[in-house]
Amino acid sequence: MTNLSFPLKLVFLISVFISSFVFSQEQPKPFQKDPYFTPATPQKNAAPAEKVKHIHSDELRKDDKYEGNNYFVGNVQFSHQGSLLNADLVIVYEEQNFIKAIGNVKLQNADGSVITADEMEYDGNTQKGIARKNVVLTDPKGTVIKTETMYYDRISNQAYYNTGGTINDGKSTTYSKSGTYYLATRTIDLTGRVKIEDNQYTLEGDNVVQNQNTNIVNINGPTTIINKKIRRTVSLPTKGTIIRTQRRLFFIRTPEFIIMTRSLPAMKCTITS
């Protein structure tokens, strides 16, 4: 009997282990907010934040799928502080004034900018959000930013990415590892081997600040400008400012040299060391 009982006990223990493992795998992980949503300096005695408001949905559900929180399905629409969010599904964390949107997410902001993504989280208390997967931000003047993860702050009107992104303003395409877009001034601070390219020139550098309104580009650190038509490369070792105008002139000035050519749209670069 002793020899038979040991195998039986072993089989029993293995079956219990497998059942426990499968059960644990099926249980959804408890929801945790990204640290990005935590206020840097919590305000004391601040007025309660406006609640994120449900506008429309085809169906309301509440079960164990999302830790017992309400979730809305089908043509879902929420609003908050002048912005409108649409998605296929939205989970509401009522006590935290927080929502998570999944599927065909579109956020239309009061300033005219639009963010689309596969998923989005939004905190009504801080007015911050995180968009994930196939993220596209379009500003009111048509500049388009594409990335995989974007952090945005509606109060400061900033959007930030660090997963690599492309920016297209209709005239040139910019690539960078990370970037911060200040929507009010349409200024983009780019870092991480930046590359700006159009059909006539290529600019490459480590840190470039580009203003979409004024066409002024500030370079910080070593930067290379390539003239595609005449196959000329200019390396700038320091800081400077580049101004693009409508005249057909390319002008670079440094303490060491001056280069002029009429084969490119005007670009004036003043080096400040």
Protein backbone atom coordinates (compact mmCIF):
# COMPACT_ATOMS: atom_id res chain seq x y z
CA MET A 1 0.00 0.00 0.00
CA THR A 2 2.87 2.34 0.79
CA ASN A 3 4.38 1.91 -2.67
CA LEU A 4 1.01 2.67 -4.32
CA SER A 5 0.13 5.68 -2.15
CA PHE A 6 3.25 7.68 -3.05
CA PRO A 7 2.55 7.78 -6.82
CA LEU A 8 -1.05 8.67 -6.09
CA LYS A 9 0.00 11.53 -3.82
CA LEU A 10 2.46 12.72 -6.44
CA VAL A 11 -0.18 12.76 -9.16
CA PHE A 12 -2.55 14.60 -6.84
CA LEU A 13 0.05 17.26 -6.02
CA ILE A 14 0.92 17.74 -9.69
CA SER A 15 -2.75 18.14 -10.64
CA VAL A 16 -3.28 20.70 -7.85
CA PHE A 17 -0.20 22.64 -9.02
CA ILE A 18 -1.37 22.66 -12.64
CA SER A 19 -4.89 23.75 -11.65
CA SER A 20 -3.52 26.57 -9.49
CA PHE A 21 -1.18 27.71 -12.27
CA VAL A 22 -3.96 27.76 -14.89
CA PHE A 23 -6.28 29.62 -12.54
CA SER A 24 -3.64 32.25 -11.77
CA GLN A 25 -2.95 32.72 -15.49
CA GLU A 26 -6.64 33.35 -16.18
CA GLN A 27 -6.98 36.04 -13.52
CA PRO A 28 -6.51 39.58 -14.92
CA LYS A 29 -3.77 41.65 -13.32
CA PRO A 30 -5.01 44.38 -10.97
CA PHE A 31 -5.12 47.75 -12.71
CA GLN A 32 -2.25 50.08 -11.86
CA LYS A 33 -1.92 53.67 -13.07
CA ASP A 34 1.30 54.69 -14.77
CA PRO A 35 3.57 56.88 -12.57
CA TYR A 36 3.17 59.60 -15.23
CA PHE A 37 -0.27 60.35 -13.81
CA THR A 38 1.06 61.09 -10.31
CA PRO A 39 1.17 64.88 -9.71
CA ALA A 40 4.70 66.19 -9.13
CA THR A 41 3.47 68.55 -6.40
CA PRO A 42 0.06 67.54 -5.01
CA GLN A 43 -2.12 70.58 -4.30
CA LYS A 44 -3.60 70.92 -0.84
CA ASN A 45 -7.19 72.11 -0.42
CA ALA A 46 -7.65 72.12 -4.21
CA ALA A 47 -11.17 72.20 -5.61
CA PRO A 48 -12.49 68.81 -6.78
CA ALA A 49 -11.65 68.08 -10.41
CA GLU A 50 -14.41 67.93 -12.97
CA LYS A 51 -15.57 64.36 -13.55
CA VAL A 52 -15.04 62.60 -16.86
CA LYS A 53 -18.54 62.46 -18.34
CA HIS A 54 -20.21 59.61 -20.24
CA ILE A 55 -22.09 60.91 -23.30
CA HIS A 56 -23.11 57.81 -25.25
CA SER A 57 -22.60 54.08 -25.66
CA ASP A 58 -24.52 51.13 -27.04
CA GLU A 59 -24.22 49.09 -23.88
CA LEU A 60 -23.19 49.33 -20.21
CA ARG A 61 -21.70 46.25 -18.56
CA LYS A 62 -20.48 45.43 -15.06
CA ASP A 63 -18.96 42.06 -14.18
CA ASP A 64 -15.65 40.57 -13.04
CA LYS A 65 -13.87 41.26 -16.34
CA TYR A 66 -12.39 44.59 -15.20
CA GLU A 67 -12.33 44.16 -11.43
CA GLY A 68 -16.03 44.97 -11.13
CA ASN A 69 -15.72 48.40 -12.75
CA ASN A 70 -18.30 49.69 -15.20
CA TYR A 71 -17.34 49.42 -18.86
CA PHE A 72 -19.13 50.77 -21.89
CA VAL A 73 -19.23 49.01 -25.25
CA GLY A 74 -20.01 50.19 -28.80
CA ASN A 75 -19.78 53.75 -30.14
CA VAL A 76 -18.60 54.99 -26.77
CA GLN A 77 -18.20 58.71 -26.21
CA PHE A 78 -16.88 60.60 -23.17
CA SER A 79 -16.16 64.30 -22.64
CA HIS A 80 -13.98 66.30 -20.29
CA GLN A 81 -13.05 69.99 -20.14
CA GLY A 82 -13.96 70.63 -23.77
CA SER A 83 -12.36 67.47 -25.17
CA LEU A 84 -14.27 64.56 -26.71
CA LEU A 85 -13.12 60.92 -26.65
CA ASN A 86 -14.54 58.16 -28.86
CA ALA A 87 -13.71 54.43 -28.68
CA ASP A 88 -15.10 50.91 -29.07
CA LEU A 89 -14.79 50.19 -25.33
CA VAL A 90 -14.15 52.38 -22.28
CA ILE A 91 -13.50 51.14 -18.73
CA VAL A 92 -14.37 53.63 -15.99
CA TYR A 93 -12.51 53.78 -12.67
CA GLU A 94 -15.05 56.02 -10.98
CA GLU A 95 -13.26 56.70 -7.71
CA GLN A 96 -10.07 57.71 -9.49
CA ASN A 97 -11.82 59.83 -12.17
CA PHE A 98 -9.89 57.72 -14.67
CA ILE A 99 -10.78 55.94 -17.90
CA LYS A 100 -9.12 53.44 -20.23
CA ALA A 101 -10.26 53.38 -23.86
CA ILE A 102 -9.65 50.43 -26.20
CA GLY A 103 -10.18 50.15 -29.96
CA ASN A 104 -10.41 52.94 -32.56
CA VAL A 105 -9.66 55.60 -29.96
CA LYS A 106 -9.96 59.24 -31.00
CA LEU A 107 -9.42 62.25 -28.74
CA GLN A 108 -10.50 65.64 -30.09
CA ASN A 109 -9.11 68.50 -27.99
CA ALA A 110 -10.55 71.97 -27.60
CA ASP A 111 -7.52 73.52 -29.36
CA GLY A 112 -8.29 71.56 -32.53
CA SER A 113 -5.59 68.89 -32.15
CA VAL A 114 -6.59 65.24 -32.58
CA ILE A 115 -4.94 62.09 -31.22
CA THR A 116 -5.84 58.62 -32.51
CA ALA A 117 -4.53 55.30 -31.13
CA ASP A 118 -5.45 51.68 -30.43
CA GLU A 119 -5.52 52.34 -26.66
CA MET A 120 -5.60 55.38 -24.42
CA GLU A 121 -5.64 56.13 -20.69
CA TYR A 122 -6.86 59.46 -19.37
CA ASP A 123 -6.85 60.96 -15.87
CA GLY A 124 -9.54 63.56 -15.26
CA ASN A 125 -7.78 64.86 -12.14
CA THR A 126 -4.46 65.72 -13.79
CA GLN A 127 -5.77 66.08 -17.38
CA LYS A 128 -2.92 63.84 -18.52
CA GLY A 129 -3.15 60.93 -20.91
CA ILE A 130 -1.12 58.14 -22.46
CA ALA A 131 -1.87 56.92 -25.99
CA ARG A 132 -0.48 53.55 -27.06
CA LYS A 133 -0.09 51.59 -30.33
CA ASN A 134 -0.30 53.28 -33.74
CA VAL A 135 -0.47 56.74 -32.21
CA VAL A 136 -1.07 59.71 -34.52
CA LEU A 137 -1.28 63.33 -33.36
CA THR A 138 -2.49 65.95 -35.87
CA ASP A 139 -2.27 69.62 -34.90
CA PRO A 140 -4.73 72.28 -36.17
CA LYS A 141 -2.35 73.30 -38.98
CA GLY A 142 -1.79 69.78 -40.27
CA THR A 143 1.52 68.73 -38.70
CA VAL A 144 1.35 64.96 -38.11
CA ILE A 145 3.33 63.07 -35.45
CA LYS A 146 3.40 59.26 -35.49
CA THR A 147 4.80 57.05 -32.71
CA GLU A 148 3.96 53.98 -30.61
CA THR A 149 3.54 55.62 -27.19
CA MET A 150 2.69 59.27 -26.53
CA TYR A 151 2.34 61.10 -23.22
CA TYR A 152 0.26 64.25 -23.33
CA ASP A 153 -0.62 66.97 -20.84
CA ARG A 154 -3.68 69.06 -21.65
CA ILE A 155 -2.90 71.72 -19.03
CA SER A 156 0.60 72.52 -20.33
CA ASN A 157 -0.51 71.59 -23.89
CA GLN A 158 2.49 69.34 -24.47
CA ALA A 159 2.93 65.93 -26.09
CA TYR A 160 6.00 63.73 -25.57
CA TYR A 161 7.31 60.47 -27.04
CA ASN A 162 10.47 58.43 -26.43
CA THR A 163 9.78 55.33 -28.52
CA GLY A 164 10.90 56.84 -31.82
CA GLY A 165 8.65 58.94 -34.02
CA THR A 166 8.17 60.72 -37.33
CA ILE A 167 6.90 64.26 -37.91
CA ASN A 168 5.56 65.51 -41.22
CA ASP A 169 4.55 69.12 -41.85
CA GLY A 170 3.89 68.79 -45.57
CA LYS A 171 7.30 70.22 -46.45
CA SER A 172 9.72 67.89 -44.67
CA THR A 173 9.82 64.68 -42.64
CA THR A 174 11.60 64.50 -39.29
CA TYR A 175 12.78 61.36 -37.49
CA SER A 176 13.94 61.26 -33.85
CA LYS A 177 14.22 58.91 -30.88
CA SER A 178 12.32 61.29 -28.61
CA GLY A 179 10.52 64.58 -28.93
CA THR A 180 8.43 67.10 -27.02
CA TYR A 181 5.83 69.07 -28.95
CA TYR A 182 4.63 72.38 -27.48
CA LEU A 183 1.32 72.76 -29.28
CA ALA A 184 0.70 76.41 -28.34
CA THR A 185 3.90 77.62 -30.04
CA ARG A 186 4.21 74.65 -32.46
CA THR A 187 7.79 74.12 -31.28
CA ILE A 188 9.30 70.62 -31.29
CA ASP A 189 12.33 69.76 -29.13
CA LEU A 190 13.96 66.69 -30.69
CA THR A 191 16.72 64.46 -29.31
CA GLY A 192 18.27 61.10 -30.10
CA ARG A 193 19.95 61.28 -33.52
CA VAL A 194 17.56 63.65 -35.25
CA LYS A 195 17.11 63.60 -39.02
CA ILE A 196 15.16 66.23 -40.99
CA GLU A 197 14.73 65.49 -44.67
CA ASP A 198 12.99 66.89 -47.75
CA ASN A 199 13.61 66.46 -51.47
CA GLN A 200 16.52 68.94 -51.45
CA TYR A 201 18.46 68.59 -48.20
CA THR A 202 19.07 66.43 -45.13
CA LEU A 203 19.95 67.68 -41.64
CA GLU A 204 21.26 65.32 -38.97
CA GLY A 205 22.10 66.16 -35.35
CA ASP A 206 21.76 65.11 -31.71
CA ASN A 207 19.44 67.91 -30.53
CA VAL A 208 17.32 70.07 -32.80
CA VAL A 209 14.57 72.53 -31.82
CA GLN A 210 12.21 73.24 -34.69
CA ASN A 211 9.50 75.94 -34.81
CA GLN A 212 6.74 75.08 -37.26
CA ASN A 213 5.42 78.67 -37.36
CA THR A 214 8.63 80.61 -37.96
CA ASN A 215 10.64 77.93 -39.85
CA ILE A 216 13.52 78.57 -37.44
CA VAL A 217 15.65 75.57 -36.44
CA ASN A 218 18.03 75.76 -33.47
CA ILE A 219 20.83 73.20 -33.44
CA ASN A 220 22.63 72.18 -30.25
CA GLY A 221 25.82 70.23 -30.78
CA PRO A 222 27.41 68.59 -33.84
CA THR A 223 25.11 68.79 -36.88
CA THR A 224 25.51 67.79 -40.52
CA ILE A 225 23.69 69.39 -43.46
CA ILE A 226 23.71 67.59 -46.79
CA ASN A 227 22.90 69.37 -50.06
CA LYS A 228 21.42 66.58 -52.21
CA LYS A 229 21.62 68.44 -55.53
CA ILE A 230 25.30 69.38 -55.48
CA ARG A 231 26.30 66.52 -53.14
CA ARG A 232 27.92 68.87 -50.64
CA THR A 233 28.12 68.10 -46.92
CA VAL A 234 28.67 70.75 -44.24
CA SER A 235 29.48 69.74 -40.66
CA LEU A 236 28.65 72.23 -37.91
CA PRO A 237 30.45 71.46 -34.62
CA THR A 238 28.56 73.78 -32.30
CA LYS A 239 25.29 75.66 -31.66
CA GLY A 240 23.47 77.73 -34.23
CA THR A 241 20.24 78.94 -35.77
CA ILE A 242 18.94 78.03 -39.22
CA ILE A 243 16.29 80.17 -40.92
CA ARG A 244 14.44 78.85 -43.98
CA THR A 245 12.96 81.45 -46.33
CA GLN A 246 11.36 81.43 -49.78
CA ARG A 247 14.42 82.79 -51.64
CA ARG A 248 16.52 80.22 -53.45
CA LEU A 249 19.71 80.58 -51.44
CA PHE A 250 21.65 78.37 -49.07
CA PHE A 251 23.89 80.36 -46.72
CA ILE A 252 25.99 78.98 -43.84
CA ARG A 253 28.13 81.26 -41.71
CA THR A 254 30.56 80.15 -38.99
CA PRO A 255 33.64 81.78 -37.50
CA GLU A 256 35.71 79.60 -39.85
CA PHE A 257 33.93 79.79 -43.22
CA ILE A 258 31.07 81.06 -45.35
CA ILE A 259 29.33 78.86 -47.93
CA MET A 260 26.82 80.12 -50.48
CA THR A 261 24.98 78.34 -53.26
CA ARG A 262 21.74 79.00 -55.15
CA SER A 263 20.80 75.35 -55.60
CA LEU A 264 18.62 75.10 -52.48
CA PRO A 265 15.79 77.09 -50.91
CA ALA A 266 17.28 79.75 -48.67
CA MET A 267 18.68 78.48 -45.41
CA LYS A 268 20.65 80.94 -43.27
CA CYS A 269 22.67 79.44 -40.45
CA THR A 270 24.32 81.67 -37.85
CA ILE A 271 26.71 79.88 -35.50
CA THR A 272 26.90 81.28 -31.97
CA SER A 273 29.49 78.85 -30.50
